[in-house]
PDB file of all heavy atoms in Angstrom:
ATOM      1  N   PHE A   1       7.856   1.101  -3.278  1.00  0.00           N
ATOM      2  CA  PHE A   1       7.883   0.518  -4.613  1.00  0.00           C
ATOM      3  C   PHE A   1       7.097  -0.770  -4.698  1.00  0.00           C
ATOM      4  O   PHE A   1       6.238  -0.999  -5.560  1.00  0.00           O
ATOM      5  CB  PHE A   1       9.332   0.248  -4.993  1.00  0.00           C
ATOM      6  CG  PHE A   1       9.533  -0.582  -6.250  1.00  0.00           C
ATOM      7  CD1 PHE A   1       9.354  -0.055  -7.480  1.00  0.00           C
ATOM      8  CD2 PHE A   1       9.876  -1.925  -6.101  1.00  0.00           C
ATOM      9  CE1 PHE A   1       9.558  -0.860  -8.617  1.00  0.00           C
ATOM     10  CE2 PHE A   1      10.029  -2.742  -7.220  1.00  0.00           C
ATOM     11  CZ  PHE A   1       9.887  -2.197  -8.487  1.00  0.00           C
ATOM     12  N   PHE A   2       7.395  -1.714  -3.766  1.00  0.00           N
ATOM     13  CA  PHE A   2       6.696  -3.030  -3.795  1.00  0.00           C
ATOM     14  C   PHE A   2       5.225  -2.926  -3.463  1.00  0.00           C
ATOM     15  O   PHE A   2       4.434  -3.661  -4.051  1.00  0.00           O
ATOM     16  CB  PHE A   2       7.423  -4.036  -2.879  1.00  0.00           C
ATOM     17  CG  PHE A   2       8.776  -4.451  -3.460  1.00  0.00           C
ATOM     18  CD1 PHE A   2       9.932  -4.132  -2.783  1.00  0.00           C
ATOM     19  CD2 PHE A   2       8.829  -5.136  -4.644  1.00  0.00           C
ATOM     20  CE1 PHE A   2      11.139  -4.504  -3.333  1.00  0.00           C
ATOM     21  CE2 PHE A   2      10.051  -5.471  -5.224  1.00  0.00           C
ATOM     22  CZ  PHE A   2      11.203  -5.185  -4.536  1.00  0.00           C
ATOM     23  N   ALA A   3       4.871  -2.072  -2.545  1.00  0.00           N
ATOM     24  CA  ALA A   3       3.436  -1.899  -2.231  1.00  0.00           C
ATOM     25  C   ALA A   3       2.666  -1.421  -3.470  1.00  0.00           C
ATOM     26  O   ALA A   3       1.620  -1.975  -3.784  1.00  0.00           O
ATOM     27  CB  ALA A   3       3.282  -0.938  -1.036  1.00  0.00           C
ATOM     28  N   LEU A   4       3.216  -0.461  -4.185  1.00  0.00           N
ATOM     29  CA  LEU A   4       2.542   0.020  -5.373  1.00  0.00           C
ATOM     30  C   LEU A   4       2.668  -0.979  -6.502  1.00  0.00           C
ATOM     31  O   LEU A   4       1.688  -1.140  -7.260  1.00  0.00           O
ATOM     32  CB  LEU A   4       3.163   1.379  -5.802  1.00  0.00           C
ATOM     33  CG  LEU A   4       2.851   2.529  -4.847  1.00  0.00           C
ATOM     34  CD1 LEU A   4       3.715   3.738  -5.157  1.00  0.00           C
ATOM     35  CD2 LEU A   4       1.403   2.874  -4.893  1.00  0.00           C
ATOM     36  N   TYR A   5       3.813  -1.653  -6.664  1.00  0.00           N
ATOM     37  CA  TYR A   5       3.956  -2.667  -7.722  1.00  0.00           C
ATOM     38  C   TYR A   5       2.939  -3.807  -7.513  1.00  0.00           C
ATOM     39  O   TYR A   5       2.304  -4.249  -8.426  1.00  0.00           O
ATOM     40  CB  TYR A   5       5.382  -3.179  -7.680  1.00  0.00           C
ATOM     41  CG  TYR A   5       5.629  -4.264  -8.679  1.00  0.00           C
ATOM     42  CD1 TYR A   5       5.997  -3.973  -9.997  1.00  0.00           C
ATOM     43  CD2 TYR A   5       5.515  -5.620  -8.357  1.00  0.00           C
ATOM     44  CE1 TYR A   5       6.253  -4.963 -10.925  1.00  0.00           C
ATOM     45  CE2 TYR A   5       5.721  -6.630  -9.265  1.00  0.00           C
ATOM     46  CZ  TYR A   5       6.087  -6.283 -10.558  1.00  0.00           C
ATOM     47  OH  TYR A   5       6.313  -7.269 -11.493  1.00  0.00           O
ATOM     48  N   ASP A   6       2.814  -4.285  -6.284  1.00  0.00           N
ATOM     49  CA  ASP A   6       1.984  -5.423  -6.024  1.00  0.00           C
ATOM     50  C   ASP A   6       0.523  -5.103  -5.811  1.00  0.00           C
ATOM     51  O   ASP A   6      -0.354  -5.869  -6.191  1.00  0.00           O
ATOM     52  CB  ASP A   6       2.444  -6.140  -4.724  1.00  0.00           C
ATOM     53  CG  ASP A   6       3.799  -6.830  -4.864  1.00  0.00           C
ATOM     54  OD1 ASP A   6       4.208  -7.161  -5.995  1.00  0.00           O
ATOM     55  OD2 ASP A   6       4.432  -7.056  -3.840  1.00  0.00           O
ATOM     56  N   GLU A   7       0.217  -3.928  -5.287  1.00  0.00           N
ATOM     57  CA  GLU A   7      -1.163  -3.691  -4.841  1.00  0.00           C
ATOM     58  C   GLU A   7      -1.676  -2.270  -5.027  1.00  0.00           C
ATOM     59  O   GLU A   7      -2.475  -1.798  -4.229  1.00  0.00           O
ATOM     60  CB  GLU A   7      -1.319  -4.089  -3.371  1.00  0.00           C
ATOM     61  CG  GLU A   7      -1.016  -5.537  -3.144  1.00  0.00           C
ATOM     62  CD  GLU A   7      -1.208  -6.003  -1.693  1.00  0.00           C
ATOM     63  OE1 GLU A   7      -1.391  -5.126  -0.818  1.00  0.00           O
ATOM     64  OE2 GLU A   7      -1.149  -7.240  -1.441  1.00  0.00           O
ATOM     65  N   HIS A   8      -1.227  -1.544  -6.039  1.00  0.00           N
ATOM     66  CA  HIS A   8      -1.583  -0.173  -6.159  1.00  0.00           C
ATOM     67  C   HIS A   8      -3.124   0.061  -6.244  1.00  0.00           C
ATOM     68  O   HIS A   8      -3.670   1.060  -5.825  1.00  0.00           O
ATOM     69  CB  HIS A   8      -0.863   0.538  -7.337  1.00  0.00           C
ATOM     70  CG  HIS A   8      -1.459   0.270  -8.656  1.00  0.00           C
ATOM     71  ND1 HIS A   8      -1.198  -0.880  -9.403  1.00  0.00           N
ATOM     72  CD2 HIS A   8      -2.304   1.010  -9.426  1.00  0.00           C
ATOM     73  CE1 HIS A   8      -1.839  -0.817 -10.563  1.00  0.00           C
ATOM     74  NE2 HIS A   8      -2.527   0.303 -10.590  1.00  0.00           N
ATOM     75  N   LYS A   9      -3.817  -0.963  -6.772  1.00  0.00           N
ATOM     76  CA  LYS A   9      -5.288  -0.834  -6.893  1.00  0.00           C
ATOM     77  C   LYS A   9      -5.994  -0.834  -5.488  1.00  0.00           C
ATOM     78  O   LYS A   9      -7.109  -0.385  -5.352  1.00  0.00           O
ATOM     79  CB  LYS A   9      -5.872  -1.955  -7.707  1.00  0.00           C
ATOM     80  CG  LYS A   9      -5.455  -1.920  -9.157  1.00  0.00           C
ATOM     81  CD  LYS A   9      -6.176  -0.824  -9.931  1.00  0.00           C
ATOM     82  CE  LYS A   9      -5.886  -0.951 -11.382  1.00  0.00           C
ATOM     83  NZ  LYS A   9      -6.440   0.103 -12.198  1.00  0.00           N
ATOM     84  N   LYS A  10      -5.250  -1.292  -4.456  1.00  0.00           N
ATOM     85  CA  LYS A  10      -5.810  -1.341  -3.114  1.00  0.00           C
ATOM     86  C   LYS A  10      -5.550  -0.077  -2.351  1.00  0.00           C
ATOM     87  O   LYS A  10      -5.981   0.093  -1.243  1.00  0.00           O
ATOM     88  CB  LYS A  10      -5.232  -2.519  -2.317  1.00  0.00           C
ATOM     89  CG  LYS A  10      -5.686  -3.850  -2.840  1.00  0.00           C
ATOM     90  CD  LYS A  10      -5.114  -5.002  -1.965  1.00  0.00           C
ATOM     91  CE  LYS A  10      -5.547  -6.350  -2.468  1.00  0.00           C
ATOM     92  NZ  LYS A  10      -4.950  -7.418  -1.604  1.00  0.00           N
ATOM     93  N   TYR A  11      -4.823   0.866  -2.912  1.00  0.00           N
ATOM     94  CA  TYR A  11      -4.476   2.127  -2.243  1.00  0.00           C
ATOM     95  C   TYR A  11      -5.773   2.853  -1.919  1.00  0.00           C
ATOM     96  O   TYR A  11      -6.615   3.090  -2.785  1.00  0.00           O
ATOM     97  CB  TYR A  11      -3.585   2.988  -3.107  1.00  0.00           C
ATOM     98  CG  TYR A  11      -3.162   4.273  -2.439  1.00  0.00           C
ATOM     99  CD1 TYR A  11      -2.236   4.275  -1.417  1.00  0.00           C
ATOM    100  CD2 TYR A  11      -3.739   5.485  -2.835  1.00  0.00           C
ATOM    101  CE1 TYR A  11      -1.897   5.507  -0.812  1.00  0.00           C
ATOM    102  CE2 TYR A  11      -3.419   6.637  -2.212  1.00  0.00           C
ATOM    103  CZ  TYR A  11      -2.467   6.669  -1.236  1.00  0.00           C
ATOM    104  OH  TYR A  11      -2.147   7.812  -0.610  1.00  0.00           O
ATOM    105  N   GLY A  12      -5.949   3.242  -0.666  1.00  0.00           N
ATOM    106  CA  GLY A  12      -7.152   3.850  -0.215  1.00  0.00           C
ATOM    107  C   GLY A  12      -7.100   5.345   0.059  1.00  0.00           C
ATOM    108  O   GLY A  12      -8.070   5.927   0.455  1.00  0.00           O
ATOM    109  N   GLY A  13      -5.915   5.936  -0.160  1.00  0.00           N
ATOM    110  CA  GLY A  13      -5.804   7.396   0.025  1.00  0.00           C
ATOM    111  C   GLY A  13      -4.949   7.805   1.239  1.00  0.00           C
ATOM    112  O   GLY A  13      -4.680   8.976   1.464  1.00  0.00           O
ATOM    113  N   ARG A  14      -4.586   6.823   2.066  1.00  0.00           N
ATOM    114  CA  ARG A  14      -3.723   7.115   3.228  1.00  0.00           C
ATOM    115  C   ARG A  14      -2.428   6.267   3.066  1.00  0.00           C
ATOM    116  O   ARG A  14      -2.456   5.084   3.275  1.00  0.00           O
ATOM    117  CB  ARG A  14      -4.462   6.775   4.491  1.00  0.00           C
ATOM    118  CG  ARG A  14      -5.632   7.764   4.727  1.00  0.00           C
ATOM    119  CD  ARG A  14      -6.417   7.519   5.980  1.00  0.00           C
ATOM    120  NE  ARG A  14      -5.588   7.266   7.130  1.00  0.00           N
ATOM    121  CZ  ARG A  14      -5.884   6.441   8.113  1.00  0.00           C
ATOM    122  NH1 ARG A  14      -7.037   5.766   8.026  1.00  0.00           N
ATOM    123  NH2 ARG A  14      -5.136   6.249   9.128  1.00  0.00           N
ATOM    124  N   LEU A  15      -1.334   6.946   2.676  1.00  0.00           N
ATOM    125  CA  LEU A  15      -0.112   6.257   2.395  1.00  0.00           C
ATOM    126  C   LEU A  15       0.418   5.473   3.556  1.00  0.00           C
ATOM    127  O   LEU A  15       0.781   4.291   3.385  1.00  0.00           O
ATOM    128  CB  LEU A  15       0.973   7.244   1.879  1.00  0.00           C
ATOM    129  CG  LEU A  15       2.286   6.630   1.460  1.00  0.00           C
ATOM    130  CD1 LEU A  15       2.063   5.644   0.250  1.00  0.00           C
ATOM    131  CD2 LEU A  15       3.292   7.716   1.100  1.00  0.00           C
ATOM    132  N   ALA A  16       0.503   6.042   4.734  1.00  0.00           N
ATOM    133  CA  ALA A  16       1.042   5.291   5.883  1.00  0.00           C
ATOM    134  C   ALA A  16       0.238   4.049   6.160  1.00  0.00           C
ATOM    135  O   ALA A  16       0.823   2.974   6.394  1.00  0.00           O
ATOM    136  CB  ALA A  16       1.025   6.224   7.113  1.00  0.00           C
ATOM    137  N   LYS A  17      -1.074   4.093   6.111  1.00  0.00           N
ATOM    138  CA  LYS A  17      -1.942   2.956   6.366  1.00  0.00           C
ATOM    139  C   LYS A  17      -1.667   1.878   5.284  1.00  0.00           C
ATOM    140  O   LYS A  17      -1.540   0.691   5.575  1.00  0.00           O
ATOM    141  CB  LYS A  17      -3.378   3.345   6.367  1.00  0.00           C
ATOM    142  CG  LYS A  17      -4.330   2.222   6.656  1.00  0.00           C
ATOM    143  CD  LYS A  17      -5.747   2.730   6.750  1.00  0.00           C
ATOM    144  CE  LYS A  17      -6.630   1.606   7.223  1.00  0.00           C
ATOM    145  NZ  LYS A  17      -7.691   1.237   6.394  1.00  0.00           N
ATOM    146  N   PHE A  18      -1.645   2.336   4.029  1.00  0.00           N
ATOM    147  CA  PHE A  18      -1.365   1.406   2.907  1.00  0.00           C
ATOM    148  C   PHE A  18      -0.015   0.679   3.083  1.00  0.00           C
ATOM    149  O   PHE A  18       0.041  -0.532   2.959  1.00  0.00           O
ATOM    150  CB  PHE A  18      -1.397   2.249   1.607  1.00  0.00           C
ATOM    151  CG  PHE A  18      -1.044   1.486   0.365  1.00  0.00           C
ATOM    152  CD1 PHE A  18      -1.877   0.463  -0.153  1.00  0.00           C
ATOM    153  CD2 PHE A  18       0.117   1.811  -0.332  1.00  0.00           C
ATOM    154  CE1 PHE A  18      -1.531  -0.179  -1.287  1.00  0.00           C
ATOM    155  CE2 PHE A  18       0.428   1.143  -1.527  1.00  0.00           C
ATOM    156  CZ  PHE A  18      -0.394   0.128  -1.966  1.00  0.00           C
ATOM    157  N   LEU A  19       1.019   1.421   3.399  1.00  0.00           N
ATOM    158  CA  LEU A  19       2.308   0.838   3.579  1.00  0.00           C
ATOM    159  C   LEU A  19       2.364  -0.081   4.819  1.00  0.00           C
ATOM    160  O   LEU A  19       3.000  -1.181   4.740  1.00  0.00           O
ATOM    161  CB  LEU A  19       3.377   1.899   3.678  1.00  0.00           C
ATOM    162  CG  LEU A  19       3.593   2.778   2.430  1.00  0.00           C
ATOM    163  CD1 LEU A  19       4.624   3.892   2.722  1.00  0.00           C
ATOM    164  CD2 LEU A  19       3.958   1.962   1.231  1.00  0.00           C
ATOM    165  N   ASN A  20       1.733   0.288   5.877  1.00  0.00           N
ATOM    166  CA  ASN A  20       1.695  -0.538   7.033  1.00  0.00           C
ATOM    167  C   ASN A  20       0.982  -1.849   6.826  1.00  0.00           C
ATOM    168  O   ASN A  20       1.425  -2.906   7.231  1.00  0.00           O
ATOM    169  CB  ASN A  20       1.075   0.176   8.259  1.00  0.00           C
ATOM    170  CG  ASN A  20       1.990   1.209   8.846  1.00  0.00           C
ATOM    171  OD1 ASN A  20       3.221   1.147   8.729  1.00  0.00           O
ATOM    172  ND2 ASN A  20       1.431   2.230   9.499  1.00  0.00           N
ATOM    173  N   GLU A  21      -0.140  -1.781   6.106  1.00  0.00           N
ATOM    174  CA  GLU A  21      -0.884  -2.978   5.782  1.00  0.00           C
ATOM    175  C   GLU A  21      -0.076  -3.907   4.841  1.00  0.00           C
ATOM    176  O   GLU A  21      -0.061  -5.068   5.032  1.00  0.00           O
ATOM    177  CB  GLU A  21      -2.247  -2.633   5.154  1.00  0.00           C
ATOM    178  CG  GLU A  21      -3.198  -2.065   6.168  1.00  0.00           C
ATOM    179  CD  GLU A  21      -4.504  -1.546   5.614  1.00  0.00           C
ATOM    180  OE1 GLU A  21      -4.649  -1.557   4.349  1.00  0.00           O
ATOM    181  OE2 GLU A  21      -5.378  -1.134   6.396  1.00  0.00           O
ATOM    182  N   TYR A  22       0.548  -3.295   3.878  1.00  0.00           N
ATOM    183  CA  TYR A  22       1.369  -4.076   2.924  1.00  0.00           C
ATOM    184  C   TYR A  22       2.496  -4.763   3.686  1.00  0.00           C
ATOM    185  O   TYR A  22       2.787  -5.944   3.493  1.00  0.00           O
ATOM    186  CB  TYR A  22       1.919  -3.186   1.803  1.00  0.00           C
ATOM    187  CG  TYR A  22       2.746  -3.985   0.849  1.00  0.00           C
ATOM    188  CD1 TYR A  22       2.178  -4.715  -0.173  1.00  0.00           C
ATOM    189  CD2 TYR A  22       4.161  -4.072   0.964  1.00  0.00           C
ATOM    190  CE1 TYR A  22       2.936  -5.518  -1.032  1.00  0.00           C
ATOM    191  CE2 TYR A  22       4.904  -4.826   0.091  1.00  0.00           C
ATOM    192  CZ  TYR A  22       4.301  -5.527  -0.891  1.00  0.00           C
ATOM    193  OH  TYR A  22       5.071  -6.308  -1.730  1.00  0.00           O
ATOM    194  N   MET A  23       3.116  -4.034   4.547  1.00  0.00           N
ATOM    195  CA  MET A  23       4.272  -4.578   5.335  1.00  0.00           C
ATOM    196  C   MET A  23       3.826  -5.653   6.221  1.00  0.00           C
ATOM    197  O   MET A  23       4.486  -6.723   6.340  1.00  0.00           O
ATOM    198  CB  MET A  23       4.936  -3.444   6.153  1.00  0.00           C
ATOM    199  CG  MET A  23       6.264  -3.825   6.799  1.00  0.00           C
ATOM    200  SD  MET A  23       7.233  -2.492   7.419  1.00  0.00           S
ATOM    201  CE  MET A  23       6.056  -1.496   8.260  1.00  0.00           C
ATOM    202  N   ALA A  24       2.668  -5.515   6.852  1.00  0.00           N
ATOM    203  CA  ALA A  24       2.121  -6.546   7.766  1.00  0.00           C
ATOM    204  C   ALA A  24       1.816  -7.828   6.939  1.00  0.00           C
ATOM    205  O   ALA A  24       2.096  -8.949   7.349  1.00  0.00           O
ATOM    206  CB  ALA A  24       0.896  -6.103   8.499  1.00  0.00           C
TER     207      ALA A  24
END
């Protein structure tokens, strides 16, 4: 939720990578 809320425009097509980068 927060990854998409804060940075959905940065989503690159790989959910796990996107979530890991957001979490980091």
